[in-house]
Protein backbone atom coordinates (compact mmCIF):
# COMPACT_ATOMS: atom_id res chain seq x y z
CA MET A 1 95.84 110.11 96.06
CA GLU A 2 98.06 112.26 98.28
CA GLY A 3 95.75 115.21 97.68
CA LEU A 4 92.72 113.10 98.60
CA TYR A 5 94.46 111.81 101.70
CA SER A 6 95.36 115.35 102.80
CA PHE A 7 91.75 116.45 102.30
CA LEU A 8 90.44 113.49 104.34
CA VAL A 9 92.90 114.21 107.15
CA ILE A 10 91.78 117.86 107.27
CA LEU A 11 88.12 116.80 107.24
CA ASP A 12 88.74 114.23 109.99
CA GLY A 13 90.36 116.99 112.02
CA PHE A 14 87.02 118.79 112.11
CA LEU A 15 85.03 115.60 112.72
CA GLY A 16 86.24 112.38 114.38
CA GLY A 17 89.70 113.75 115.05
CA ALA A 18 88.34 116.90 116.67
CA GLY A 19 88.47 117.26 120.43
CA TRP A 20 84.70 117.57 120.78
CA PHE A 21 83.69 114.32 119.05
CA PRO A 22 84.73 111.78 121.75
CA TYR A 23 82.89 113.84 124.34
CA VAL A 24 79.72 113.86 122.25
CA LEU A 25 79.87 110.11 121.65
CA LEU A 26 80.68 109.18 125.25
CA GLY A 27 78.37 111.89 126.59
CA VAL A 28 75.32 110.42 124.84
CA GLY A 29 76.22 106.95 126.10
CA LEU A 30 76.74 108.23 129.65
CA PHE A 31 73.47 110.18 129.58
CA PHE A 32 71.41 107.14 128.54
CA THR A 33 73.32 104.87 130.93
CA ILE A 34 72.27 107.05 133.87
CA TYR A 35 68.83 107.95 132.47
CA LEU A 36 67.92 104.27 131.91
CA LYS A 37 69.61 103.12 135.14
CA PHE A 38 72.52 101.11 133.70
CA PRO A 39 70.63 98.84 131.27
CA GLN A 40 73.88 97.16 130.17
CA ILE A 41 74.03 95.65 133.68
CA ARG A 42 70.32 95.31 134.53
CA PHE A 43 69.33 93.58 131.29
CA PHE A 44 72.52 91.64 130.59
CA LYS A 45 71.18 88.26 131.74
CA HIS A 46 67.81 88.79 130.04
CA ALA A 47 69.57 89.65 126.78
CA TRP A 48 71.22 86.21 126.72
CA GLN A 49 67.84 84.56 127.36
CA VAL A 50 66.28 86.42 124.43
CA VAL A 51 69.10 85.65 121.99
CA THR A 52 69.02 81.92 122.81
CA GLY A 53 65.39 81.81 121.67
CA LYS A 54 63.63 81.46 125.03
CA PHE A 55 60.91 83.91 124.01
CA ASP A 56 60.83 83.27 120.23
CA LYS A 57 57.46 82.99 118.48
CA GLU A 58 57.36 81.80 114.88
CA SER A 59 54.24 83.89 114.24
CA ASP A 60 55.99 87.18 115.12
CA PRO A 61 56.64 89.55 112.20
CA GLY A 62 60.16 89.64 110.78
CA ASP A 63 62.59 87.88 108.47
CA THR A 64 65.02 86.10 110.80
CA THR A 65 65.65 84.99 114.40
CA HIS A 66 67.15 87.02 117.26
CA PHE A 67 70.32 84.94 117.05
CA ARG A 68 70.73 85.44 113.31
CA ALA A 69 70.03 89.14 113.62
CA LEU A 70 72.72 89.33 116.31
CA THR A 71 75.26 87.37 114.24
CA THR A 72 74.53 89.53 111.19
CA ALA A 73 75.08 92.67 113.23
CA LEU A 74 78.18 91.12 114.85
CA SER A 75 79.55 90.19 111.45
CA GLY A 76 79.22 93.88 110.61
CA THR A 77 81.26 94.91 113.66
CA VAL A 78 83.67 91.98 114.16
CA GLY A 79 86.09 92.73 111.36
CA THR A 80 89.26 94.67 110.75
CA GLY A 81 88.36 96.85 113.73
CA ASN A 82 89.17 93.89 115.99
CA ILE A 83 92.41 92.94 114.24
CA SER A 84 93.67 96.01 112.40
CA GLY A 85 91.78 98.65 114.36
CA VAL A 86 93.08 97.65 117.79
CA ALA A 87 96.62 97.47 116.42
CA PHE A 88 96.15 100.89 114.82
CA ALA A 89 94.87 102.38 118.10
CA ILE A 90 97.81 101.01 120.12
CA PHE A 91 100.22 102.08 117.39
CA LEU A 92 98.86 105.65 117.67
CA GLY A 93 98.14 105.98 121.37
CA GLY A 94 100.02 103.18 123.11
CA PRO A 95 98.42 101.01 125.85
CA ALA A 96 96.22 103.93 126.96
CA ALA A 97 94.17 103.70 123.77
CA LEU A 98 92.87 100.24 124.78
CA PHE A 99 91.42 101.63 128.02
CA TRP A 100 89.40 104.22 126.12
CA MET A 101 88.17 101.50 123.77
CA TRP A 102 86.80 99.72 126.87
CA VAL A 103 85.04 102.86 128.07
CA THR A 104 83.57 103.39 124.61
CA ALA A 105 82.28 99.80 124.59
CA PHE A 106 80.72 99.92 128.09
CA LEU A 107 78.81 103.13 127.37
CA GLY A 108 78.22 101.95 123.81
CA MET A 109 76.24 98.97 125.11
CA THR A 110 73.57 101.44 126.22
CA THR A 111 73.79 103.55 123.07
CA LYS A 112 73.25 100.49 120.90
CA PHE A 113 70.35 99.36 123.10
CA VAL A 114 68.66 102.72 122.51
CA GLU A 115 69.24 103.03 118.76
CA VAL A 116 68.13 99.46 118.03
CA THR A 117 64.97 99.72 120.16
CA LEU A 118 63.84 102.97 118.53
CA SER A 119 64.71 101.84 115.02
CA HIS A 120 62.95 98.49 115.45
CA LYS A 121 59.84 100.26 116.72
CA TYR A 122 59.45 102.21 113.48
CA ARG A 123 60.52 99.57 110.94
CA VAL A 124 58.36 99.00 107.83
CA LYS A 125 57.56 96.18 105.40
CA THR A 126 58.83 97.02 101.90
CA GLU A 127 57.27 96.34 98.50
CA ASP A 128 59.09 93.01 98.20
CA GLY A 129 57.74 91.83 101.57
CA THR A 130 60.98 92.14 103.56
CA MET A 131 61.47 94.27 106.67
CA ALA A 132 63.41 97.52 106.48
CA GLY A 133 64.50 99.54 109.47
CA GLY A 134 67.19 101.78 110.79
CA PRO A 135 67.51 105.30 112.16
CA MET A 136 66.19 106.82 108.91
CA TYR A 137 62.77 105.33 109.67
CA TYR A 138 62.37 106.76 113.18
CA MET A 139 63.73 110.08 111.90
CA ASP A 140 61.10 110.09 109.16
CA ARG A 141 58.08 108.41 110.78
CA ARG A 142 58.45 109.67 114.35
CA LEU A 143 60.48 112.87 114.28
CA ASN A 144 59.01 114.03 110.96
CA MET A 145 62.53 115.07 109.90
CA LYS A 146 62.68 113.78 106.37
CA TRP A 147 65.78 115.86 105.69
CA LEU A 148 67.63 114.21 108.59
CA ALA A 149 66.51 110.74 107.48
CA VAL A 150 67.76 111.40 103.95
CA ALA A 151 71.07 112.75 105.28
CA PHE A 152 71.51 109.65 107.44
CA ALA A 153 70.65 107.27 104.60
CA ILE A 154 73.14 108.96 102.28
CA ALA A 155 75.78 108.77 105.03
CA THR A 156 74.97 105.07 105.45
CA VAL A 157 75.64 104.41 101.77
CA VAL A 158 78.94 106.31 102.00
CA SER A 159 79.84 104.55 105.23
CA SER A 160 79.02 101.15 103.76
CA PHE A 161 82.06 101.74 101.58
CA GLY A 162 84.19 103.61 104.15
CA THR A 163 83.49 101.24 107.06
CA GLY A 164 82.29 97.91 105.75
CA ASN A 165 83.83 97.61 102.32
CA LEU A 166 87.12 99.36 101.54
CA PRO A 167 89.04 98.84 104.83
CA GLN A 168 87.86 95.22 105.07
CA SER A 169 89.10 94.36 101.57
CA ASN A 170 92.35 96.23 102.16
CA GLY A 171 92.96 94.46 105.47
CA ILE A 172 92.38 91.02 103.93
CA ALA A 173 94.69 91.68 100.97
CA GLN A 174 97.45 93.15 103.16
CA SER A 175 97.42 90.18 105.53
CA ILE A 176 97.25 87.50 102.82
CA GLU A 177 100.02 89.14 100.79
CA ALA A 178 102.26 89.28 103.89
CA THR A 179 101.51 85.67 104.82
CA PHE A 180 101.03 83.78 101.54
CA GLY A 181 102.52 86.18 98.98
CA PHE A 182 99.39 86.40 96.82
CA GLU A 183 98.95 89.61 94.81
CA PRO A 184 96.33 91.98 96.32
CA TRP A 185 94.48 92.37 93.01
CA ALA A 186 94.06 88.58 92.76
CA VAL A 187 92.79 88.33 96.35
CA GLY A 188 90.35 91.18 95.76
CA SER A 189 89.06 89.64 92.52
CA VAL A 190 88.40 86.18 93.98
CA LEU A 191 86.73 87.51 97.13
CA GLY A 192 84.78 90.01 95.05
CA ILE A 193 83.16 87.15 93.15
CA LEU A 194 82.32 85.33 96.41
CA LEU A 195 80.92 88.55 97.87
CA ALA A 196 78.61 88.98 94.88
CA LEU A 197 77.32 85.40 95.20
CA VAL A 198 76.35 85.91 98.85
CA ILE A 199 74.83 89.39 98.82
CA LEU A 200 72.60 88.66 95.81
CA GLY A 201 70.61 86.33 98.08
CA GLY A 202 69.44 89.13 100.36
CA ILE A 203 69.00 89.01 104.14
CA GLN A 204 68.03 85.32 104.29
CA ARG A 205 71.27 84.15 102.67
CA ILE A 206 73.32 86.77 104.52
CA ALA A 207 71.87 85.77 107.90
CA ALA A 208 72.37 82.05 107.22
CA PHE A 209 75.99 82.65 106.17
CA THR A 210 76.87 84.81 109.19
CA ALA A 211 75.17 82.46 111.66
CA ARG A 212 77.61 79.75 110.59
CA VAL A 213 80.74 81.83 110.07
CA VAL A 214 80.74 84.19 113.09
CA PRO A 215 81.01 81.49 115.82
CA VAL A 216 83.64 79.53 113.85
CA MET A 217 85.82 82.53 113.13
CA ALA A 218 85.64 83.68 116.76
CA VAL A 219 86.83 80.28 118.05
CA ILE A 220 89.73 80.08 115.55
CA TYR A 221 90.89 83.57 116.39
CA LEU A 222 90.65 83.14 120.17
CA ILE A 223 92.67 79.90 120.09
CA GLY A 224 95.48 81.62 118.21
CA ALA A 225 95.36 84.67 120.49
CA LEU A 226 95.46 82.64 123.71
CA ALA A 227 98.49 80.75 122.38
CA VAL A 228 100.35 84.08 122.31
CA ILE A 229 99.01 85.41 125.60
CA PHE A 230 99.92 82.27 127.57
CA ALA A 231 103.34 82.10 125.91
CA ASN A 232 103.95 85.60 127.30
CA VAL A 233 102.02 85.10 130.54
CA GLU A 234 104.59 87.05 132.58
CA ASN A 235 103.67 90.18 130.60
CA ILE A 236 99.90 90.02 131.11
CA ILE A 237 99.75 91.88 134.43
CA PRO A 238 102.28 94.55 133.33
CA SER A 239 100.21 95.02 130.16
CA PHE A 240 96.98 95.53 132.09
CA THR A 241 98.80 97.86 134.46
CA ALA A 242 100.10 99.94 131.57
CA VAL A 243 96.63 100.16 130.02
CA VAL A 244 95.04 101.53 133.21
CA LYS A 245 97.98 103.65 134.36
CA ASP A 246 98.60 105.27 130.97
CA ALA A 247 94.90 106.03 130.52
CA PHE A 248 95.23 109.16 132.67
CA THR A 249 98.77 110.18 131.82
CA GLY A 250 99.29 109.21 128.18
CA SER A 251 101.76 106.55 127.04
CA ALA A 252 105.46 107.22 127.51
CA ALA A 253 108.11 106.49 124.87
CA ALA A 254 109.22 102.85 124.74
CA GLY A 255 111.54 101.30 122.19
CA GLY A 256 110.69 102.70 118.77
CA PHE A 257 107.38 104.10 120.08
CA LEU A 258 107.88 107.84 120.65
CA GLY A 259 105.03 108.32 123.09
CA ALA A 260 101.46 109.62 122.94
CA SER A 261 99.78 112.35 124.96
CA LEU A 262 96.66 111.71 127.05
CA ALA A 263 94.54 113.76 124.64
CA TYR A 264 95.84 111.87 121.60
CA ALA A 265 95.41 108.40 123.18
CA PHE A 266 91.91 109.32 124.38
CA ASN A 267 90.82 110.58 120.98
CA ARG A 268 92.25 107.65 119.02
CA GLY A 269 90.96 105.07 121.52
CA VAL A 270 87.41 106.40 121.34
CA ASN A 271 87.58 106.74 117.57
CA ARG A 272 88.86 103.18 117.07
CA GLY A 273 86.38 101.92 119.68
CA LEU A 274 83.56 103.32 117.60
CA PHE A 275 85.01 101.77 114.45
CA SER A 276 85.16 98.43 116.25
CA ASN A 277 81.67 98.21 117.81
CA GLU A 278 79.79 100.90 115.83
CA ALA A 279 77.71 101.87 118.89
CA GLY A 280 75.91 105.08 118.01
CA GLN A 281 76.71 104.81 114.33
CA GLY A 282 73.24 103.54 113.50
CA SER A 283 74.34 100.52 111.48
CA ALA A 284 73.31 97.65 113.78
CA PRO A 285 69.63 98.77 113.93
CA ILE A 286 69.36 97.99 110.21
CA ALA A 287 70.27 94.33 110.82
CA HIS A 288 68.15 94.02 113.97
CA ALA A 289 65.10 95.38 112.13
CA ALA A 290 64.82 92.00 110.42
CA ALA A 291 64.37 90.09 113.72
CA LYS A 292 61.09 88.32 114.40
CA THR A 293 59.51 90.01 117.41
CA LYS A 294 56.72 92.37 118.39
CA GLU A 295 58.84 93.82 121.20
CA PRO A 296 61.35 96.49 120.08
CA ALA A 297 62.88 96.67 123.56
CA SER A 298 63.69 92.94 123.60
CA GLU A 299 65.65 93.29 120.35
CA GLY A 300 67.39 96.31 121.81
CA MET A 301 68.51 94.16 124.73
CA VAL A 302 69.94 91.60 122.31
CA SER A 303 71.97 94.33 120.66
CA LEU A 304 73.66 95.48 123.89
CA LEU A 305 75.61 92.21 123.79
CA GLU A 306 77.42 93.33 120.63
CA PRO A 307 79.88 95.86 122.13
CA PHE A 308 80.53 93.40 124.97
CA ILE A 309 81.45 90.56 122.61
CA ASP A 310 83.10 92.72 119.99
CA THR A 311 85.18 95.14 122.04
CA ILE A 312 85.36 94.06 125.66
CA ILE A 313 86.17 90.45 124.73
CA ILE A 314 87.67 90.23 121.22
CA CYS A 315 89.43 93.62 121.12
CA THR A 316 90.85 93.06 124.60
CA VAL A 317 92.28 89.71 123.51
CA THR A 318 93.87 91.34 120.45
CA GLY A 319 95.24 94.15 122.60
CA LEU A 320 96.79 91.69 125.06
CA VAL A 321 98.41 89.78 122.20
CA ILE A 322 100.03 92.96 120.90
CA LEU A 323 101.05 94.35 124.30
CA SER A 324 102.24 91.13 125.95
CA SER A 325 104.33 90.17 122.92
CA GLY A 326 105.99 93.61 122.88
CA VAL A 327 105.80 93.97 119.09
CA TRP A 328 103.98 97.33 119.30
CA LYS A 329 107.19 99.12 120.32
CA GLU A 330 109.59 97.21 118.04
CA LYS A 331 110.79 98.24 114.60
CA HIS A 332 110.22 95.73 111.82
CA GLU A 333 111.40 95.48 108.24
CA ASN A 334 108.69 96.74 105.89
CA VAL A 335 107.98 98.68 102.71
CA PHE A 336 106.86 102.18 103.64
CA ASP A 337 103.46 103.47 102.54
CA ARG A 338 103.84 106.91 101.02
CA SER A 339 101.24 108.36 103.38
CA ASP A 340 103.15 107.05 106.44
CA MET A 341 106.46 108.65 105.41
CA LEU A 342 107.57 112.13 106.42
CA PHE A 343 111.00 113.73 106.02
CA VAL A 344 111.66 116.31 108.74
CA GLN A 345 114.31 119.01 109.04
CA GLY A 346 117.29 118.06 111.22
CA GLN A 347 118.81 114.80 112.40
CA TYR A 348 117.22 112.95 115.30
CA ASP A 349 118.10 109.77 117.16
CA ASP A 350 115.43 107.97 119.19
CA SER A 351 118.09 106.64 121.56
CA ASP A 352 118.67 110.27 122.68
CA GLN A 353 116.04 111.36 125.23
CA ALA A 354 116.29 115.00 124.18
CA ASP A 355 115.51 114.04 120.59
CA VAL A 356 112.67 111.77 121.74
CA ASP A 357 111.12 114.70 123.64
CA LYS A 358 111.26 116.88 120.52
CA LEU A 359 109.76 114.17 118.32
CA TYR A 360 107.06 113.55 120.93
CA GLY A 361 106.12 117.21 120.79
CA TYR A 362 105.95 117.12 117.01
CA LEU A 363 103.87 113.93 116.72
CA ASN A 364 101.43 114.98 119.45
CA ASP A 365 101.03 118.60 118.28
CA VAL A 366 102.49 119.99 121.50
CA GLU A 367 102.60 123.76 121.38
CA GLY A 368 106.08 125.16 120.82
CA ASN A 369 107.60 122.12 119.07
CA GLU A 370 110.49 123.10 116.79
CA ILE A 371 110.40 120.36 114.15
CA THR A 372 109.29 121.20 110.61
CA ALA A 373 108.82 119.24 107.38
CA TYR A 374 111.93 118.98 105.19
CA THR A 375 112.15 120.62 101.78
CA GLY A 376 115.28 120.13 99.70
CA SER A 377 117.33 117.47 97.92
CA ILE A 378 118.80 114.16 99.11
CA THR A 379 121.76 112.46 97.45
CA VAL A 380 121.32 108.71 97.15
CA VAL A 381 123.99 106.19 96.06
CA ASN A 382 123.07 102.51 95.47
CA GLY A 383 119.86 102.90 97.45
CA THR A 384 121.44 104.59 100.49
CA ALA A 385 121.18 108.30 101.35
CA VAL A 386 124.66 109.86 101.71
CA SER A 387 123.57 113.42 102.51
CA ASP A 388 122.40 114.64 105.91
CA GLY A 389 120.31 117.40 107.45
CA PHE A 390 117.07 115.39 107.56
CA THR A 391 115.38 112.49 109.36
CA LEU A 392 112.90 110.10 107.80
CA LEU A 393 109.94 109.27 110.02
CA ASN A 394 107.77 106.34 109.04
CA SER A 395 104.71 105.19 110.94
CA ARG A 396 105.41 107.73 113.71
CA SER A 397 108.91 106.34 114.35
CA VAL A 398 112.48 107.07 113.25
CA ALA A 399 113.18 104.86 110.23
CA GLU A 400 116.39 102.78 110.18
CA ASP A 401 118.37 100.91 107.48
CA VAL A 402 116.47 102.81 104.79
CA LYS A 403 116.76 101.71 101.16
CA TYR A 404 115.52 103.65 98.11
CA ASN A 405 114.48 101.63 95.06
CA ILE A 406 113.01 102.29 91.67
CA GLY A 407 110.08 99.93 91.53
CA SER A 408 110.73 96.95 93.77
CA GLU A 409 114.16 95.84 92.52
CA ASP A 410 116.53 98.50 91.12
CA LEU A 411 118.50 100.47 93.72
CA PHE A 412 118.14 104.21 93.20
CA THR A 413 121.17 106.41 92.56
CA GLY A 414 120.81 110.14 92.08
CA THR A 415 119.23 113.20 93.63
CA LEU A 416 115.87 112.84 95.30
CA LYS A 417 113.76 115.97 95.61
CA ILE A 418 111.66 116.43 98.75
CA GLU A 419 108.84 118.95 99.09
CA GLU A 420 107.04 119.56 102.39
CA GLY A 421 108.29 116.26 103.76
CA LYS A 422 107.27 114.10 100.77
CA PRO A 423 109.40 112.71 97.92
CA VAL A 424 108.40 114.11 94.53
CA ARG A 425 109.30 111.01 92.49
CA ASP A 426 106.28 108.73 91.92
CA ASN A 427 107.84 105.32 91.22
CA LEU A 428 110.05 105.38 94.29
CA GLU A 429 109.85 102.46 96.76
CA VAL A 430 111.27 103.10 100.22
CA SER A 431 111.86 100.30 102.72
CA GLY A 432 113.58 99.80 106.04
CA LYS A 433 112.86 99.26 109.73
CA SER A 434 110.13 101.18 111.54
CA LEU A 435 107.07 100.62 113.64
CA VAL A 436 104.23 98.92 111.77
CA HIS A 437 100.50 99.16 112.29
CA SER A 438 97.12 97.68 111.37
CA ALA A 439 96.94 94.03 110.26
CA ALA A 440 100.71 93.79 109.79
CA LEU A 441 101.30 94.50 113.50
CA THR A 442 98.76 91.92 114.66
CA THR A 443 100.20 89.35 112.25
CA ILE A 444 103.68 89.78 113.71
CA ALA A 445 102.30 89.55 117.25
CA PHE A 446 100.64 86.20 116.51
CA THR A 447 104.02 84.69 115.63
CA ARG A 448 105.23 85.27 119.22
CA GLY A 449 103.25 82.40 120.74
CA TYR A 450 103.23 78.62 120.92
CA PHE A 451 102.37 78.31 117.23
CA GLY A 452 105.41 80.32 116.15
CA ASN A 453 105.32 81.45 112.53
CA PHE A 454 102.19 79.37 112.00
CA GLY A 455 100.36 82.02 114.04
CA GLN A 456 100.43 84.38 111.08
CA TYR A 457 98.16 82.01 109.19
CA ILE A 458 95.59 82.20 111.99
CA VAL A 459 95.53 85.99 111.62
CA SER A 460 95.21 85.78 107.86
CA ILE A 461 92.38 83.24 108.02
CA GLY A 462 90.68 85.02 110.91
CA LEU A 463 91.01 88.40 109.25
CA MET A 464 89.66 87.05 105.98
CA LEU A 465 86.60 85.56 107.69
CA PHE A 466 86.06 88.57 109.96
CA ALA A 467 86.46 91.17 107.26
CA PHE A 468 84.58 89.27 104.56
CA SER A 469 81.57 88.79 106.83
CA THR A 470 81.71 92.49 107.71
CA ALA A 471 81.62 93.42 104.03
CA ILE A 472 78.59 91.16 103.58
CA ALA A 473 76.69 92.72 106.50
CA TRP A 474 77.46 96.26 105.36
CA SER A 475 76.20 95.52 101.86
CA TYR A 476 72.84 94.85 103.51
CA TYR A 477 73.00 98.13 105.44
CA GLY A 478 73.74 99.98 102.24
CA ASP A 479 70.98 98.33 100.22
CA ARG A 480 68.41 99.12 102.96
CA ALA A 481 69.52 102.75 102.81
CA MET A 482 69.22 102.70 99.02
CA THR A 483 65.76 101.16 99.36
CA TYR A 484 64.74 104.08 101.58
CA LEU A 485 66.24 106.68 99.26
CA LEU A 486 65.35 105.39 95.78
CA GLY A 487 63.30 102.23 96.21
CA PRO A 488 64.07 98.50 95.68
CA ARG A 489 65.15 98.97 92.05
CA SER A 490 68.22 100.91 93.17
CA VAL A 491 69.61 97.95 95.15
CA MET A 492 71.13 96.00 92.26
CA PRO A 493 73.20 98.93 90.83
CA TYR A 494 74.38 99.64 94.38
CA ARG A 495 75.53 96.03 94.84
CA VAL A 496 77.49 96.09 91.57
CA ILE A 497 79.35 99.26 92.63
CA TYR A 498 79.84 97.79 96.11
CA VAL A 499 81.56 94.68 94.71
CA ALA A 500 83.71 96.81 92.38
CA GLY A 501 84.82 98.96 95.31
CA PHE A 502 85.72 95.84 97.28
CA VAL A 503 88.02 94.68 94.48
CA TRP A 504 89.63 98.12 94.04
CA ALA A 505 90.37 98.59 97.74
CA ALA A 506 92.44 95.39 97.85
CA PHE A 507 95.35 97.14 96.13
CA SER A 508 94.84 100.76 97.25
CA ASP A 509 96.87 102.69 99.86
CA THR A 510 96.30 101.40 103.42
CA THR A 511 96.49 104.77 105.12
CA LEU A 512 94.15 106.37 102.59
CA VAL A 513 91.51 103.71 103.27
CA TRP A 514 91.72 104.23 107.04
CA ALA A 515 91.41 108.00 106.57
CA LEU A 516 88.24 107.52 104.50
CA SER A 517 86.75 105.18 107.10
CA ALA A 518 87.41 107.69 109.90
CA VAL A 519 85.42 110.37 108.08
CA ALA A 520 82.61 108.07 106.94
CA ILE A 521 81.94 106.84 110.48
CA VAL A 522 81.37 110.31 111.88
CA VAL A 523 79.11 111.62 109.12
CA MET A 524 76.80 108.68 109.89
CA THR A 525 77.04 108.87 113.69
CA LEU A 526 76.17 112.50 114.36
CA PRO A 527 72.62 112.49 112.87
CA ASN A 528 71.84 109.26 114.74
CA LEU A 529 73.01 110.58 118.12
CA PHE A 530 71.00 113.75 117.56
CA GLY A 531 67.87 111.71 116.80
CA ILE A 532 68.00 109.31 119.76
CA VAL A 533 68.56 112.15 122.23
CA LEU A 534 65.37 113.82 120.96
CA LEU A 535 63.48 110.58 121.69
CA CYS A 536 64.93 109.89 125.13
CA LYS A 537 61.56 110.17 126.90
CA GLU A 538 59.87 107.76 124.49
CA MET A 539 62.77 105.35 124.88
CA LYS A 540 62.35 105.27 128.65
CA GLU A 541 58.59 104.72 128.36
CA THR A 542 59.07 101.89 125.85
CA VAL A 543 61.58 100.07 128.05
CA ASP A 544 59.61 100.55 131.28
CA ASP A 545 56.44 99.24 129.61
CA TYR A 546 58.20 96.14 128.26
CA TRP A 547 59.97 95.34 131.52
CA SER A 548 56.88 95.76 133.67
CA ARG A 549 54.93 93.36 131.40
CA HIS A 550 57.83 90.89 131.33
CA LYS A 551 58.06 90.75 135.13
CA LYS A 552 54.34 90.03 135.36
């Protein structure tokens, strides 16, 4: 698993983690925003009219309503990205990361408008009578680039696991274990059975399920979040100030948080913003292809509401909960994931500014930093290290009160070998105080409001509903991609593997799952961005034609 994680990190460094990727993603959104004259503002009111059914016609071709298509697509985006993803972005980049999530969402409203319109225009009716659409169809039927369509469809299948399946299951299991104490394998098994029961019913059952669940889960989550925000009302303005101010300077060290450079916060904020709203990824067009309408542009306008609801509203609320409560910069007792741990050469104290500056340079890849990974032996007596010459970093912070156990109970005594910053022993459990991230951070933040410790149950329930509905939506995206690649008969084997992956991810390494999702997102996004840019002229003509007829 460590080898796989290392490979994924290297791959992500060339893709989503590379300096060029955020500029490509935002650049496409900015280009279409200007080229189409700010459609996310011009068509915002009309989009709400369409989604409420003002222009619905029962005779129009399609499988479901505008509203159900929107809730299906929203269920695919409103998931761990809104709970775990925001926490992960702030954990990595500080308050500045939230600002770049906003920028990604605003420009992403246009990107999603474009990809949904074009994909809806070239949707097809399959052998079983249902609609199938998505970027692979405009790539094939309009661009005549079968190779690109196949590449995108394969990436969609991979991403259905990396985006919609594995991290969702992992986030649910992590939160429920922390809150209720249930074993991850048991959580994964029960939800895996429920997942199978829903997705076997196809788009009709999926759309009906999400239409009921999405509004309910949003209300539950917002009530819990507002209870924290208002309990810490004096920190709201400082939090907003930090978000905007740090956006152009990077986030300075605070508490256990060792700081993040502007480049790092920008990259992580854009990356997590994409994971949250999926604008440009090409996933939402697959859900919207099922909508009943003869007007591709009208369905595109419905879709521009997604990044607004998903990121600008829900992610902002989550971000305010984490920032106003102050938990993002506090160290908390936790069991360290192996992938989060790193032993470095030398002894460092985060209460010493000189040491903080050195650690900042190391964590943000600042040129000339002097810190290196530790290789050697550590003497441990009754679970406590008694030798020196090293510092244990966990979750990008200096770990405190560290205990070494064999399994989960027996205190370790002996010599622990470290190679390139990692312990060699496999059955070692390390715990202590450090920063935390993902669902665990959001869960802690929700206990800092009017509901007290009861707030953690809201996160667990909200996360379960959010993430489970995301897994359901992404199973549909994957089976449409399989339908394109191998025909309808390939859907059932895909669903079986999809459910098995959902169960497995419940008890797999958190950091490994996030690394896989980061790579899967990008390999799906790049072909889609390439395709919609090639069709920019047709997009403008399609929108202008629709709008001129609508005004008449």
